[in-house]
Amino acid sequence: MAEKNYIEVNLMGKNYILGGSEDETYLQRVATYVNGKEAELKRKQGYLRQNADFQHLTLVLNISDDYFKALAQIENLKAKQDQMEQEIYSLKHDLISGRYRNDEKQ
């Protein structure tokens, strides 16, 4: 079982102890991302006038949106990679076929 790492981080103005199998740098990066997302929302008109529950819900929805957009981007990149691999395979096949025909002519 992986060793658990703990780090004290400031999340949304409060100190917490985060723990996980990831290294401390990663855990701090997660906290920084959440704080950055919150800061981004605070710059939007009307966000601070909402109650705390609505602010947290908005934060969670925005992070979820980022997550699903990243998943979609990964899927698109995988599809492009598959297409490129298929093209490479086809080009290799054409090259080998051309060499074979060239060898037969000689």
Protein backbone atom coordinates (compact mmCIF):
# COMPACT_ATOMS: atom_id res chain seq x y z
CA MET A 1 0.00 0.00 0.00
CA ALA A 2 1.31 3.44 -0.91
CA GLU A 3 2.49 5.71 1.85
CA LYS A 4 0.12 8.54 2.66
CA ASN A 5 1.43 12.09 2.50
CA TYR A 6 -0.03 14.97 4.47
CA ILE A 7 0.29 18.70 3.90
CA GLU A 8 -1.31 21.74 5.44
CA VAL A 9 -2.94 23.91 2.79
CA ASN A 10 -5.06 27.01 2.73
CA LEU A 11 -8.31 26.38 0.89
CA MET A 12 -10.71 29.23 0.39
CA GLY A 13 -9.30 31.14 3.34
CA LYS A 14 -9.15 28.26 5.83
CA ASN A 15 -6.30 25.93 6.73
CA TYR A 16 -6.80 22.21 6.21
CA ILE A 17 -4.66 19.10 6.31
CA LEU A 18 -4.85 17.25 3.00
CA GLY A 19 -3.76 13.65 2.82
CA GLY A 20 -3.29 11.30 -0.07
CA SER A 21 -0.96 8.88 -1.80
CA GLU A 22 0.19 11.67 -4.11
CA ASP A 23 3.23 13.73 -3.21
CA GLU A 24 2.95 17.01 -1.31
CA THR A 25 3.64 19.07 -4.42
CA TYR A 26 0.63 17.54 -6.15
CA LEU A 27 -1.63 18.08 -3.13
CA GLN A 28 -0.54 21.73 -2.98
CA ARG A 29 -1.21 22.06 -6.71
CA VAL A 30 -4.77 20.81 -6.21
CA ALA A 31 -5.36 23.35 -3.43
CA THR A 32 -3.88 26.11 -5.59
CA TYR A 33 -6.19 25.16 -8.45
CA VAL A 34 -9.27 25.35 -6.20
CA ASN A 35 -8.16 28.71 -4.80
CA GLY A 36 -7.52 30.01 -8.30
CA LYS A 37 -10.95 28.91 -9.45
CA GLU A 38 -12.54 30.61 -6.45
CA ALA A 39 -10.58 33.82 -7.13
CA GLU A 40 -11.75 33.71 -10.76
CA LEU A 41 -15.37 33.44 -9.63
CA LYS A 42 -14.99 36.25 -7.10
CA ARG A 43 -14.06 38.57 -9.97
CA LYS A 44 -17.41 37.89 -11.63
CA GLN A 45 -20.24 40.29 -11.02
CA GLY A 46 -22.79 39.05 -8.50
CA TYR A 47 -20.86 36.04 -7.21
CA LEU A 48 -20.09 37.59 -3.83
CA ARG A 49 -23.72 38.67 -3.38
CA GLN A 50 -24.81 35.04 -3.38
CA ASN A 51 -25.04 33.02 -0.19
CA ALA A 52 -22.17 30.69 0.77
CA ASP A 53 -24.03 27.54 -0.34
CA PHE A 54 -24.62 28.97 -3.80
CA GLN A 55 -20.99 30.11 -4.02
CA HIS A 56 -19.74 26.63 -3.16
CA LEU A 57 -22.16 25.05 -5.62
CA THR A 58 -20.97 27.43 -8.34
CA LEU A 59 -17.36 26.55 -7.53
CA VAL A 60 -18.07 22.81 -7.69
CA LEU A 61 -19.96 23.17 -10.97
CA ASN A 62 -17.15 25.21 -12.52
CA ILE A 63 -14.53 22.66 -11.48
CA SER A 64 -16.76 19.86 -12.81
CA ASP A 65 -17.12 21.75 -16.08
CA ASP A 66 -13.32 22.00 -16.37
CA TYR A 67 -13.05 18.27 -15.68
CA PHE A 68 -15.56 17.25 -18.35
CA LYS A 69 -14.02 19.62 -20.90
CA ALA A 70 -10.61 18.06 -20.18
CA LEU A 71 -12.10 14.57 -20.65
CA ALA A 72 -13.59 15.63 -23.99
CA GLN A 73 -10.24 17.06 -25.06
CA ILE A 74 -8.53 13.79 -24.12
CA GLU A 75 -11.05 11.82 -26.16
CA ASN A 76 -10.51 14.12 -29.15
CA LEU A 77 -6.75 13.73 -28.86
CA LYS A 78 -7.07 9.95 -28.60
CA ALA A 79 -9.25 9.91 -31.72
CA LYS A 80 -6.68 12.04 -33.59
CA GLN A 81 -3.90 9.76 -32.38
CA ASP A 82 -5.80 6.68 -33.60
CA GLN A 83 -6.37 8.35 -36.97
CA MET A 84 -2.70 9.29 -37.27
CA GLU A 85 -1.60 5.78 -36.32
CA GLN A 86 -3.93 4.40 -39.00
CA GLU A 87 -2.43 6.80 -41.55
CA ILE A 88 1.09 5.79 -40.55
CA TYR A 89 0.16 2.12 -40.91
CA SER A 90 -1.32 2.81 -44.34
CA LEU A 91 1.75 4.78 -45.44
CA LYS A 92 4.07 2.01 -44.22
CA HIS A 93 1.97 -0.51 -46.11
CA ASP A 94 2.16 1.60 -49.26
CA LEU A 95 5.93 2.00 -48.86
CA ILE A 96 6.48 -1.73 -48.40
CA SER A 97 4.19 -2.51 -51.36
CA GLY A 98 6.08 -0.02 -53.50
CA ARG A 99 9.42 -1.52 -52.54
CA TYR A 100 8.11 -4.99 -53.26
CA ARG A 101 6.86 -3.94 -56.73
CA ASN A 102 10.14 -2.14 -57.38
CA ASP A 103 12.13 -5.26 -56.42
CA GLU A 104 9.99 -7.40 -58.75
CA LYS A 105 10.72 -5.04 -61.68
CA GLN A 106 14.47 -5.32 -61.20
